[in-house]
Amino acid sequence: MVIMVIVVTDVTIRGISDEVYTEFSAEARRQEKAVGDLTTEAMSAYLLQIQGTKKKHHFISNMKELKVSKMDLVKFNRPVVFGRIDRLIFEDDVDLETLEKYVHVGNCKYVEFPKGLPLLFTYELCSNCGQVTRRE
């Protein structure tokens, strides 16, 4: 006989967007699940996603303004999560393949991508960002 013990932790998470929490809790209700259960599923999925890559993610955060070129990303040669940056600007040489390979953006106030990139793709790279735009 195998006995499995599951430990459950009660936590308070600060800084969650009201809009995101409202949508998330509505989804939990639609699925007839507790918010905590759905949060555990989301956290587990996120961990599987980042552990699925052989390269460790690196975080660059808490800056007023940052301009990033393709060369910056390629020479760094590992996935980067850009977070809590007031103005994040990707230079004109940054292409779709480079973004897909190296970039995720979260909690930035303003993010600007080069012109010509598919708009929905740029939105997919960004989580909880204020303004996401591309140069025209």
N, C-alpha and C. Protein backbone atom coordinates (compact mmCIF):
# COMPACT_ATOMS: atom_id res chain seq x y z
N MET A 1 0.84 -1.17 0.00
CA MET A 1 0.00 0.00 0.00
C MET A 1 0.89 1.24 0.00
N VAL A 2 0.55 2.20 -0.85
CA VAL A 2 1.29 3.45 -0.94
C VAL A 2 0.46 4.56 -0.29
N ILE A 3 1.08 5.28 0.62
CA ILE A 3 0.40 6.41 1.26
C ILE A 3 1.02 7.69 0.71
N MET A 4 0.18 8.56 0.20
CA MET A 4 0.66 9.81 -0.37
C MET A 4 0.22 10.95 0.53
N VAL A 5 1.16 11.80 0.89
CA VAL A 5 0.86 12.96 1.72
C VAL A 5 0.99 14.21 0.88
N ILE A 6 -0.05 14.99 0.85
CA ILE A 6 -0.02 16.25 0.10
C ILE A 6 -0.07 17.39 1.10
N VAL A 7 0.93 18.24 1.03
CA VAL A 7 1.00 19.39 1.93
C VAL A 7 0.41 20.59 1.20
N VAL A 8 -0.47 21.30 1.86
CA VAL A 8 -1.11 22.48 1.27
C VAL A 8 -0.67 23.69 2.09
N THR A 9 -0.23 24.73 1.39
CA THR A 9 0.24 25.94 2.05
C THR A 9 -0.75 27.07 1.81
N ASP A 10 -1.10 27.79 2.86
CA ASP A 10 -1.92 28.99 2.72
C ASP A 10 -0.99 30.18 2.53
N VAL A 11 -1.24 30.98 1.48
CA VAL A 11 -0.39 32.12 1.20
C VAL A 11 -1.25 33.34 0.87
N THR A 12 -0.65 34.49 1.04
CA THR A 12 -1.24 35.74 0.58
C THR A 12 -0.33 36.28 -0.51
N ILE A 13 -0.90 36.55 -1.67
CA ILE A 13 -0.11 37.07 -2.78
C ILE A 13 -0.53 38.51 -3.02
N ARG A 14 0.42 39.42 -2.92
CA ARG A 14 0.15 40.83 -3.13
C ARG A 14 0.56 41.23 -4.55
N GLY A 15 -0.06 42.27 -5.04
CA GLY A 15 0.35 42.84 -6.32
C GLY A 15 -0.28 42.21 -7.54
N ILE A 16 -1.33 41.44 -7.39
CA ILE A 16 -2.01 40.86 -8.55
C ILE A 16 -2.98 41.89 -9.10
N SER A 17 -2.95 42.07 -10.40
CA SER A 17 -3.85 43.00 -11.07
C SER A 17 -5.30 42.62 -10.76
N ASP A 18 -6.12 43.62 -10.43
CA ASP A 18 -7.55 43.37 -10.16
C ASP A 18 -8.22 42.71 -11.37
N GLU A 19 -7.90 43.21 -12.55
CA GLU A 19 -8.52 42.68 -13.77
C GLU A 19 -8.16 41.20 -13.98
N VAL A 20 -6.88 40.88 -13.79
CA VAL A 20 -6.43 39.49 -13.96
C VAL A 20 -7.08 38.60 -12.91
N TYR A 21 -7.12 39.05 -11.67
CA TYR A 21 -7.71 38.23 -10.61
C TYR A 21 -9.20 38.00 -10.86
N THR A 22 -9.91 39.03 -11.30
CA THR A 22 -11.34 38.90 -11.58
C THR A 22 -11.58 37.86 -12.67
N GLU A 23 -10.80 37.94 -13.75
CA GLU A 23 -10.95 36.98 -14.84
C GLU A 23 -10.56 35.57 -14.39
N PHE A 24 -9.48 35.48 -13.61
CA PHE A 24 -9.00 34.19 -13.13
C PHE A 24 -10.03 33.53 -12.22
N SER A 25 -10.58 34.30 -11.28
CA SER A 25 -11.56 33.72 -10.36
C SER A 25 -12.86 33.35 -11.09
N ALA A 26 -13.22 34.11 -12.12
CA ALA A 26 -14.40 33.76 -12.93
C ALA A 26 -14.16 32.44 -13.67
N GLU A 27 -12.95 32.27 -14.16
CA GLU A 27 -12.60 31.01 -14.84
C GLU A 27 -12.65 29.84 -13.86
N ALA A 28 -12.18 30.05 -12.64
CA ALA A 28 -12.25 29.00 -11.62
C ALA A 28 -13.71 28.60 -11.37
N ARG A 29 -14.59 29.60 -11.27
CA ARG A 29 -16.02 29.30 -11.07
C ARG A 29 -16.58 28.52 -12.25
N ARG A 30 -16.22 28.92 -13.49
CA ARG A 30 -16.71 28.20 -14.68
C ARG A 30 -16.27 26.74 -14.65
N GLN A 31 -15.07 26.50 -14.16
CA GLN A 31 -14.55 25.13 -14.09
C GLN A 31 -14.96 24.42 -12.79
N GLU A 32 -15.72 25.12 -11.97
CA GLU A 32 -16.16 24.59 -10.67
C GLU A 32 -14.98 24.13 -9.82
N LYS A 33 -13.96 25.00 -9.78
CA LYS A 33 -12.76 24.73 -8.98
C LYS A 33 -12.53 25.90 -8.03
N ALA A 34 -11.81 25.63 -6.97
CA ALA A 34 -11.39 26.70 -6.06
C ALA A 34 -10.27 27.50 -6.74
N VAL A 35 -10.20 28.79 -6.42
CA VAL A 35 -9.14 29.63 -6.98
C VAL A 35 -7.77 29.05 -6.63
N GLY A 36 -7.61 28.54 -5.42
CA GLY A 36 -6.35 27.94 -5.00
C GLY A 36 -5.97 26.73 -5.85
N ASP A 37 -6.96 25.90 -6.18
CA ASP A 37 -6.68 24.72 -7.02
C ASP A 37 -6.25 25.15 -8.43
N LEU A 38 -6.95 26.12 -8.98
CA LEU A 38 -6.60 26.59 -10.32
C LEU A 38 -5.24 27.30 -10.31
N THR A 39 -4.94 28.02 -9.22
CA THR A 39 -3.63 28.67 -9.08
C THR A 39 -2.52 27.63 -9.03
N THR A 40 -2.74 26.56 -8.30
CA THR A 40 -1.76 25.47 -8.24
C THR A 40 -1.53 24.88 -9.62
N GLU A 41 -2.61 24.68 -10.39
CA GLU A 41 -2.47 24.16 -11.75
C GLU A 41 -1.67 25.12 -12.62
N ALA A 42 -1.97 26.42 -12.51
CA ALA A 42 -1.26 27.41 -13.32
C ALA A 42 0.21 27.48 -12.96
N MET A 43 0.51 27.44 -11.66
CA MET A 43 1.91 27.46 -11.23
C MET A 43 2.65 26.21 -11.70
N SER A 44 2.00 25.06 -11.61
CA SER A 44 2.61 23.81 -12.07
C SER A 44 2.89 23.85 -13.57
N ALA A 45 1.92 24.36 -14.34
CA ALA A 45 2.11 24.46 -15.79
C ALA A 45 3.26 25.40 -16.12
N TYR A 46 3.35 26.51 -15.40
CA TYR A 46 4.44 27.46 -15.62
C TYR A 46 5.79 26.81 -15.32
N LEU A 47 5.89 26.10 -14.21
CA LEU A 47 7.14 25.44 -13.86
C LEU A 47 7.54 24.39 -14.88
N LEU A 48 6.57 23.63 -15.38
CA LEU A 48 6.87 22.65 -16.42
C LEU A 48 7.38 23.34 -17.68
N GLN A 49 6.77 24.47 -18.01
CA GLN A 49 7.17 25.21 -19.20
C GLN A 49 8.61 25.68 -19.09
N ILE A 50 8.98 26.30 -17.97
CA ILE A 50 10.33 26.83 -17.87
C ILE A 50 11.36 25.74 -17.63
N GLN A 51 10.95 24.63 -17.03
CA GLN A 51 11.88 23.53 -16.84
C GLN A 51 12.07 22.73 -18.11
N GLY A 52 11.15 22.90 -19.06
CA GLY A 52 11.23 22.19 -20.32
C GLY A 52 12.35 22.71 -21.21
N THR A 53 12.85 23.87 -20.93
CA THR A 53 13.95 24.40 -21.72
C THR A 53 15.26 24.05 -21.04
N LYS A 54 16.27 23.77 -21.83
CA LYS A 54 17.57 23.40 -21.27
C LYS A 54 18.31 24.61 -20.73
N LYS A 55 17.94 25.77 -21.21
CA LYS A 55 18.65 26.97 -20.79
C LYS A 55 17.87 27.65 -19.67
N LYS A 56 18.57 28.09 -18.69
CA LYS A 56 17.97 28.78 -17.55
C LYS A 56 17.50 30.18 -17.97
N HIS A 57 16.35 30.57 -17.49
CA HIS A 57 15.85 31.92 -17.76
C HIS A 57 16.60 32.91 -16.87
N HIS A 58 16.87 34.05 -17.42
CA HIS A 58 17.51 35.11 -16.66
C HIS A 58 16.55 36.29 -16.60
N PHE A 59 16.57 37.00 -15.51
CA PHE A 59 15.64 38.10 -15.28
C PHE A 59 16.39 39.43 -15.30
N ILE A 60 15.85 40.36 -16.06
CA ILE A 60 16.36 41.73 -16.07
C ILE A 60 15.16 42.60 -15.70
N SER A 61 15.29 43.35 -14.60
CA SER A 61 14.11 44.06 -14.13
C SER A 61 14.45 45.34 -13.38
N ASN A 62 13.37 46.07 -13.06
CA ASN A 62 13.43 47.28 -12.25
C ASN A 62 14.34 48.34 -12.87
N MET A 63 13.98 48.76 -14.08
CA MET A 63 14.74 49.80 -14.78
C MET A 63 13.79 50.85 -15.32
N LYS A 64 14.30 52.05 -15.51
CA LYS A 64 13.49 53.13 -16.11
C LYS A 64 13.33 52.90 -17.60
N GLU A 65 14.46 52.71 -18.31
CA GLU A 65 14.41 52.51 -19.76
C GLU A 65 15.49 51.55 -20.18
N LEU A 66 15.16 50.70 -21.15
CA LEU A 66 16.12 49.73 -21.67
C LEU A 66 15.87 49.54 -23.15
N LYS A 67 16.94 49.66 -23.94
CA LYS A 67 16.89 49.38 -25.38
C LYS A 67 17.67 48.10 -25.62
N VAL A 68 17.07 47.18 -26.38
CA VAL A 68 17.67 45.87 -26.59
C VAL A 68 17.78 45.61 -28.09
N SER A 69 18.97 45.17 -28.53
CA SER A 69 19.19 44.84 -29.93
C SER A 69 19.22 43.33 -30.11
N LYS A 70 19.17 42.90 -31.37
CA LYS A 70 19.29 41.47 -31.67
C LYS A 70 20.64 40.95 -31.18
N MET A 71 21.70 41.72 -31.41
CA MET A 71 23.03 41.30 -30.97
C MET A 71 23.07 41.09 -29.45
N ASP A 72 22.41 41.98 -28.70
CA ASP A 72 22.36 41.81 -27.24
C ASP A 72 21.78 40.44 -26.88
N LEU A 73 20.68 40.09 -27.51
CA LEU A 73 20.00 38.84 -27.20
C LEU A 73 20.80 37.63 -27.66
N VAL A 74 21.32 37.68 -28.87
CA VAL A 74 22.05 36.55 -29.43
C VAL A 74 23.34 36.29 -28.66
N LYS A 75 24.07 37.34 -28.33
CA LYS A 75 25.32 37.16 -27.58
C LYS A 75 25.06 36.68 -26.15
N PHE A 76 23.96 37.11 -25.55
CA PHE A 76 23.60 36.65 -24.21
C PHE A 76 23.24 35.16 -24.26
N ASN A 77 22.58 34.76 -25.35
CA ASN A 77 22.33 33.36 -25.70
C ASN A 77 21.59 32.55 -24.64
N ARG A 78 20.60 33.15 -24.03
CA ARG A 78 19.74 32.42 -23.10
C ARG A 78 18.42 33.18 -22.98
N PRO A 79 17.36 32.48 -22.64
CA PRO A 79 16.06 33.16 -22.51
C PRO A 79 16.09 34.24 -21.42
N VAL A 80 15.43 35.35 -21.71
CA VAL A 80 15.41 36.48 -20.79
C VAL A 80 13.96 36.87 -20.50
N VAL A 81 13.68 37.08 -19.23
CA VAL A 81 12.40 37.64 -18.83
C VAL A 81 12.67 39.09 -18.43
N PHE A 82 12.08 40.02 -19.17
CA PHE A 82 12.20 41.44 -18.86
C PHE A 82 10.98 41.82 -18.02
N GLY A 83 11.21 42.42 -16.85
CA GLY A 83 10.08 42.74 -15.99
C GLY A 83 10.24 44.05 -15.26
N ARG A 84 9.12 44.67 -14.98
CA ARG A 84 9.08 45.92 -14.22
C ARG A 84 10.03 46.98 -14.78
N ILE A 85 9.92 47.18 -16.08
CA ILE A 85 10.70 48.19 -16.77
C ILE A 85 9.72 49.24 -17.28
N ASP A 86 10.01 50.51 -17.02
CA ASP A 86 9.10 51.57 -17.45
C ASP A 86 8.98 51.65 -18.97
N ARG A 87 10.13 51.68 -19.67
CA ARG A 87 10.14 51.75 -21.14
C ARG A 87 11.11 50.71 -21.68
N LEU A 88 10.57 49.68 -22.32
CA LEU A 88 11.38 48.62 -22.92
C LEU A 88 11.23 48.74 -24.43
N ILE A 89 12.36 48.96 -25.11
CA ILE A 89 12.33 49.19 -26.55
C ILE A 89 13.23 48.17 -27.24
N PHE A 90 12.65 47.41 -28.16
CA PHE A 90 13.42 46.48 -28.97
C PHE A 90 13.81 47.19 -30.26
N GLU A 91 15.11 47.19 -30.57
CA GLU A 91 15.61 47.92 -31.72
C GLU A 91 15.17 47.25 -33.02
N ASP A 92 15.32 47.98 -34.14
CA ASP A 92 14.81 47.55 -35.43
C ASP A 92 15.36 46.22 -35.92
N ASP A 93 16.56 45.82 -35.47
CA ASP A 93 17.14 44.58 -35.96
C ASP A 93 16.58 43.33 -35.27
N VAL A 94 15.77 43.51 -34.24
CA VAL A 94 15.21 42.36 -33.52
C VAL A 94 14.07 41.77 -34.37
N ASP A 95 14.22 40.49 -34.72
CA ASP A 95 13.24 39.84 -35.58
C ASP A 95 12.39 38.83 -34.80
N LEU A 96 11.41 38.29 -35.50
CA LEU A 96 10.46 37.36 -34.91
C LEU A 96 11.14 36.13 -34.30
N GLU A 97 12.08 35.54 -35.02
CA GLU A 97 12.78 34.34 -34.56
C GLU A 97 13.57 34.61 -33.28
N THR A 98 14.23 35.75 -33.22
CA THR A 98 15.02 36.11 -32.03
C THR A 98 14.11 36.32 -30.83
N LEU A 99 13.01 37.04 -31.03
CA LEU A 99 12.07 37.26 -29.94
C LEU A 99 11.52 35.93 -29.42
N GLU A 100 11.13 35.08 -30.34
CA GLU A 100 10.54 33.79 -29.97
C GLU A 100 11.52 32.93 -29.17
N LYS A 101 12.78 33.00 -29.53
CA LYS A 101 13.80 32.17 -28.88
C LYS A 101 14.21 32.70 -27.51
N TYR A 102 14.24 34.02 -27.35
CA TYR A 102 14.89 34.59 -26.17
C TYR A 102 14.02 35.43 -25.24
N VAL A 103 12.84 35.89 -25.66
CA VAL A 103 12.19 36.99 -24.94
C VAL A 103 10.84 36.63 -24.34
N HIS A 104 10.65 37.05 -23.09
CA HIS A 104 9.33 37.16 -22.46
C HIS A 104 9.33 38.48 -21.68
N VAL A 105 8.18 39.15 -21.69
CA VAL A 105 8.07 40.46 -21.05
C VAL A 105 6.92 40.43 -20.06
N GLY A 106 7.15 40.94 -18.85
CA GLY A 106 6.08 40.98 -17.86
C GLY A 106 6.12 42.23 -17.02
N ASN A 107 4.96 42.78 -16.77
CA ASN A 107 4.81 43.92 -15.85
C ASN A 107 5.65 45.14 -16.26
N CYS A 108 5.69 45.43 -17.54
CA CYS A 108 6.37 46.63 -18.02
C CYS A 108 5.32 47.67 -18.38
N LYS A 109 5.63 48.94 -18.17
CA LYS A 109 4.66 50.00 -18.45
C LYS A 109 4.49 50.26 -19.94
N TYR A 110 5.60 50.27 -20.68
CA TYR A 110 5.57 50.56 -22.12
C TYR A 110 6.56 49.65 -22.82
N VAL A 111 6.08 48.93 -23.84
CA VAL A 111 6.95 48.03 -24.61
C VAL A 111 6.78 48.37 -26.08
N GLU A 112 7.91 48.56 -26.75
CA GLU A 112 7.88 48.92 -28.17
C GLU A 112 8.68 47.91 -28.98
N PHE A 113 8.03 47.36 -30.02
CA PHE A 113 8.65 46.39 -30.91
C PHE A 113 8.92 47.04 -32.26
N PRO A 114 9.82 46.45 -33.06
CA PRO A 114 10.07 46.96 -34.41
C PRO A 114 8.85 46.82 -35.31
N LYS A 115 8.77 47.66 -36.33
CA LYS A 115 7.64 47.57 -37.26
C LYS A 115 7.72 46.26 -38.04
N GLY A 116 6.58 45.84 -38.53
CA GLY A 116 6.52 44.65 -39.37
C GLY A 116 6.30 43.35 -38.61
N LEU A 117 6.45 43.35 -37.31
CA LEU A 117 6.20 42.12 -36.55
C LEU A 117 4.70 41.92 -36.40
N PRO A 118 4.23 40.67 -36.43
CA PRO A 118 2.80 40.42 -36.23
C PRO A 118 2.34 40.94 -34.87
N LEU A 119 1.32 41.76 -34.87
CA LEU A 119 0.86 42.42 -33.65
C LEU A 119 0.46 41.42 -32.57
N LEU A 120 -0.31 40.41 -32.93
CA LEU A 120 -0.75 39.44 -31.92
C LEU A 120 0.42 38.65 -31.34
N PHE A 121 1.44 38.41 -32.13
CA PHE A 121 2.65 37.74 -31.62
C PHE A 121 3.30 38.60 -30.54
N THR A 122 3.41 39.90 -30.79
CA THR A 122 4.03 40.78 -29.79
C THR A 122 3.20 40.80 -28.51
N TYR A 123 1.88 40.77 -28.65
CA TYR A 123 1.03 40.74 -27.45
C TYR A 123 1.23 39.45 -26.67
N GLU A 124 1.43 38.34 -27.38
CA GLU A 124 1.61 37.06 -26.72
C GLU A 124 2.89 37.02 -25.88
N LEU A 125 3.90 37.78 -26.28
CA LEU A 125 5.15 37.82 -25.52
C LEU A 125 5.02 38.59 -24.21
N CYS A 126 3.97 39.38 -24.09
CA CYS A 126 3.84 40.31 -22.96
C CYS A 126 2.74 39.88 -21.99
N SER A 127 3.04 39.95 -20.71
CA SER A 127 2.06 39.66 -19.66
C SER A 127 1.96 40.86 -18.73
N ASN A 128 0.75 41.30 -18.49
CA ASN A 128 0.49 42.40 -17.56
C ASN A 128 1.29 43.65 -17.88
N CYS A 129 1.35 44.02 -19.13
CA CYS A 129 2.05 45.23 -19.55
C CYS A 129 1.04 46.33 -19.83
N GLY A 130 1.46 47.57 -19.58
CA GLY A 130 0.57 48.70 -19.80
C GLY A 130 0.28 48.93 -21.27
N GLN A 131 1.25 49.45 -22.01
CA GLN A 131 1.08 49.73 -23.43
C GLN A 131 2.07 48.90 -24.22
N VAL A 132 1.57 48.15 -25.18
CA VAL A 132 2.41 47.36 -26.07
C VAL A 132 2.17 47.88 -27.48
N THR A 133 3.23 48.29 -28.15
CA THR A 133 3.09 48.90 -29.47
C THR A 133 4.22 48.46 -30.38
N ARG A 134 4.07 48.73 -31.65
CA ARG A 134 5.17 48.51 -32.59
C ARG A 134 5.33 49.77 -33.42
N ARG A 135 6.57 50.04 -33.78
CA ARG A 135 6.83 51.23 -34.57
C ARG A 135 6.21 51.05 -35.94
N GLU A 136 5.67 52.12 -36.48
CA GLU A 136 5.08 52.07 -37.83
C GLU A 136 5.84 52.93 -38.79
